[in-house]
């Protein structure tokens, strides 16, 4: 009986990384708690590093991006560090200038809600995100559900 329980316990923990990877395959959209209350957010976590998140919110025609660029990296960001961040889907790339914000440890930037980055994130099957200077690790994101999540986000933006 004890062997069976140990075996079951081992199977459960062996499945956790796979479950985390699966959870990161699909984008979500809905209200999330923020400092000022609930904010409609589209979100995804990296399939190769589930602790690395990509959050998008929208207001007045602008999509605001928050990304944990330094997740899993050996280098800690400097105070007001600014990086050009490449969002790659297939052979297409969109570059966004993002500033490190120490308050939550995320890099932040913005793009037009009807711009090419939002269109890019709705296409393809996989996204890779990396800073242009190569200071941090590249992270991969699935794009399952991104089109629906981003359409819902942009609808909230008006």
Protein backbone atom coordinates (compact mmCIF):
# COMPACT_ATOMS: atom_id res chain seq x y z
CA UNK A 1 0.00 0.00 0.00
CA UNK A 2 2.80 2.42 0.90
CA UNK A 3 4.58 1.64 -2.40
CA UNK A 4 1.37 2.38 -4.30
CA UNK A 5 0.96 5.72 -2.50
CA UNK A 6 4.59 6.65 -3.17
CA UNK A 7 4.17 5.69 -6.82
CA UNK A 8 0.98 7.79 -7.10
CA UNK A 9 2.71 10.72 -5.37
CA UNK A 10 5.68 10.46 -7.77
CA UNK A 11 3.33 10.43 -10.77
CA UNK A 12 1.55 13.50 -9.49
CA UNK A 13 4.77 15.51 -9.17
CA UNK A 14 6.08 14.26 -12.51
CA UNK A 15 2.92 15.63 -14.16
CA UNK A 16 3.21 19.12 -12.62
CA UNK A 17 5.75 20.55 -15.10
CA UNK A 18 3.70 19.18 -18.00
CA UNK A 19 0.52 20.66 -16.50
CA UNK A 20 2.26 24.03 -16.07
CA UNK A 21 3.39 23.88 -19.69
CA UNK A 22 -0.13 23.02 -20.85
CA UNK A 23 -1.59 25.88 -18.80
CA UNK A 24 0.80 28.24 -20.56
CA UNK A 25 -0.35 27.11 -24.01
CA UNK A 26 -3.62 29.08 -23.85
CA UNK A 27 -4.05 32.83 -23.43
CA UNK A 28 -6.55 34.15 -20.93
CA UNK A 29 -8.61 37.34 -20.87
CA UNK A 30 -10.59 38.81 -18.02
CA UNK A 31 -10.49 41.09 -15.01
CA UNK A 32 -7.38 40.89 -12.82
CA UNK A 33 -6.57 42.67 -9.60
CA UNK A 34 -4.28 45.67 -9.96
CA UNK A 35 -3.30 48.43 -7.54
CA UNK A 36 -6.37 50.47 -8.49
CA UNK A 37 -8.84 47.57 -8.62
CA UNK A 38 -9.90 45.22 -11.39
CA UNK A 39 -8.38 45.75 -14.84
CA UNK A 40 -9.32 43.76 -17.95
CA UNK A 41 -6.14 41.87 -18.91
CA UNK A 42 -5.03 39.47 -21.63
CA UNK A 43 -2.27 37.23 -20.31
CA UNK A 44 0.02 34.34 -21.14
CA UNK A 45 2.91 32.60 -19.45
CA UNK A 46 6.01 31.29 -21.19
CA UNK A 47 5.85 27.62 -22.12
CA UNK A 48 9.56 27.24 -21.31
CA UNK A 49 9.41 29.27 -18.08
CA UNK A 50 5.91 29.34 -16.52
CA UNK A 51 7.06 32.01 -14.06
CA UNK A 52 7.61 34.48 -16.97
CA UNK A 53 4.38 36.35 -17.69
CA UNK A 54 3.18 38.61 -20.46
CA UNK A 55 0.29 40.91 -19.45
CA UNK A 56 -1.59 43.26 -21.77
CA UNK A 57 -4.11 45.90 -20.73
CA UNK A 58 -5.76 48.56 -22.86
CA UNK A 59 -6.91 52.14 -22.49
CA UNK A 60 -7.73 54.95 -24.93
CA UNK A 61 -6.51 53.03 -27.98
CA UNK A 62 -3.18 51.95 -26.44
CA UNK A 63 -2.22 48.44 -25.38
CA UNK A 64 0.06 48.46 -22.35
CA UNK A 65 2.45 45.53 -22.12
CA UNK A 66 4.08 44.26 -18.94
CA UNK A 67 6.61 41.49 -19.35
CA UNK A 68 8.96 39.70 -16.98
CA UNK A 69 11.95 39.96 -19.34
CA UNK A 70 14.50 38.99 -16.66
CA UNK A 71 12.65 35.83 -15.50
CA UNK A 72 15.08 32.97 -15.14
CA UNK A 73 18.01 35.17 -16.09
CA UNK A 74 21.37 35.48 -14.42
CA UNK A 75 21.35 39.26 -14.80
CA UNK A 76 19.18 41.56 -12.69
CA UNK A 77 17.84 44.68 -14.44
CA UNK A 78 19.26 48.09 -13.59
CA UNK A 79 17.06 50.84 -12.10
CA UNK A 80 15.35 52.50 -15.08
CA UNK A 81 16.82 50.14 -17.67
CA UNK A 82 15.32 50.46 -21.15
CA UNK A 83 15.49 47.62 -23.67
CA UNK A 84 14.24 47.08 -27.16
CA UNK A 85 12.24 43.85 -26.97
CA UNK A 86 11.59 41.71 -30.04
CA UNK A 87 8.30 39.85 -30.38
CA UNK A 88 8.85 37.15 -33.04
CA UNK A 89 6.14 35.06 -34.72
CA UNK A 90 7.50 32.96 -37.56
CA UNK A 91 9.63 35.27 -39.69
CA UNK A 92 7.82 38.46 -38.58
CA UNK A 93 9.18 40.63 -35.76
CA UNK A 94 7.85 43.68 -33.97
CA UNK A 95 10.17 45.65 -31.67
CA UNK A 96 8.91 47.53 -28.62
CA UNK A 97 10.95 49.79 -26.34
CA UNK A 98 10.29 48.73 -22.76
CA UNK A 99 11.39 50.25 -19.43
CA UNK A 100 12.09 48.28 -16.26
CA UNK A 101 9.80 49.17 -13.37
CA UNK A 102 11.26 48.06 -10.05
CA UNK A 103 7.91 48.27 -8.25
CA UNK A 104 6.78 44.95 -9.72
CA UNK A 105 9.97 43.81 -11.46
CA UNK A 106 8.42 43.96 -14.93
CA UNK A 107 9.36 45.74 -18.13
CA UNK A 108 6.61 48.00 -19.52
CA UNK A 109 5.84 49.48 -22.91
CA UNK A 110 2.87 50.39 -25.08
CA UNK A 111 1.70 50.00 -28.67
CA UNK A 112 -1.39 51.10 -30.60
CA UNK A 113 -4.37 48.77 -30.11
CA UNK A 114 -4.87 48.62 -33.89
CA UNK A 115 -1.13 48.34 -34.60
CA UNK A 116 1.08 45.63 -36.07
CA UNK A 117 2.14 44.01 -32.76
CA UNK A 118 -1.43 43.19 -31.74
CA UNK A 119 -2.07 41.80 -35.25
CA UNK A 120 1.14 39.73 -35.01
CA UNK A 121 0.15 38.28 -31.63
CA UNK A 122 -3.13 37.07 -33.16
CA UNK A 123 -1.31 35.10 -35.87
CA UNK A 124 0.88 32.03 -36.02
CA UNK A 125 1.29 29.27 -33.49
CA UNK A 126 4.25 30.38 -31.41
CA UNK A 127 5.81 33.55 -30.10
CA UNK A 128 9.35 34.13 -28.88
CA UNK A 129 10.27 37.22 -26.88
CA UNK A 130 13.83 38.45 -26.34
CA UNK A 131 15.60 41.73 -25.76
CA UNK A 132 17.47 42.92 -28.85
CA UNK A 133 20.75 43.26 -26.94
CA UNK A 134 20.62 39.63 -25.80
CA UNK A 135 21.06 40.37 -22.07
CA UNK A 136 18.19 38.07 -21.08
CA UNK A 137 16.93 34.63 -22.04
CA UNK A 138 14.53 34.15 -24.92
CA UNK A 139 11.13 32.89 -23.77
CA UNK A 140 8.52 31.07 -25.85
CA UNK A 141 4.76 31.50 -25.69
CA UNK A 142 1.97 29.57 -27.37
CA UNK A 143 -0.58 31.63 -29.26
CA UNK A 144 -3.61 29.39 -28.69
CA UNK A 145 -6.47 31.69 -27.72
CA UNK A 146 -4.46 34.87 -28.33
CA UNK A 147 -6.75 36.10 -31.12
CA UNK A 148 -9.86 35.80 -28.97
CA UNK A 149 -8.16 37.19 -25.84
CA UNK A 150 -6.75 40.20 -27.70
CA UNK A 151 -10.02 40.89 -29.53
CA UNK A 152 -11.78 40.97 -26.15
CA UNK A 153 -9.04 43.22 -24.76
CA UNK A 154 -9.22 45.72 -27.63
CA UNK A 155 -13.02 45.77 -27.31
CA UNK A 156 -12.55 46.95 -23.69
CA UNK A 157 -10.17 49.65 -24.90
CA UNK A 158 -12.69 51.94 -26.54
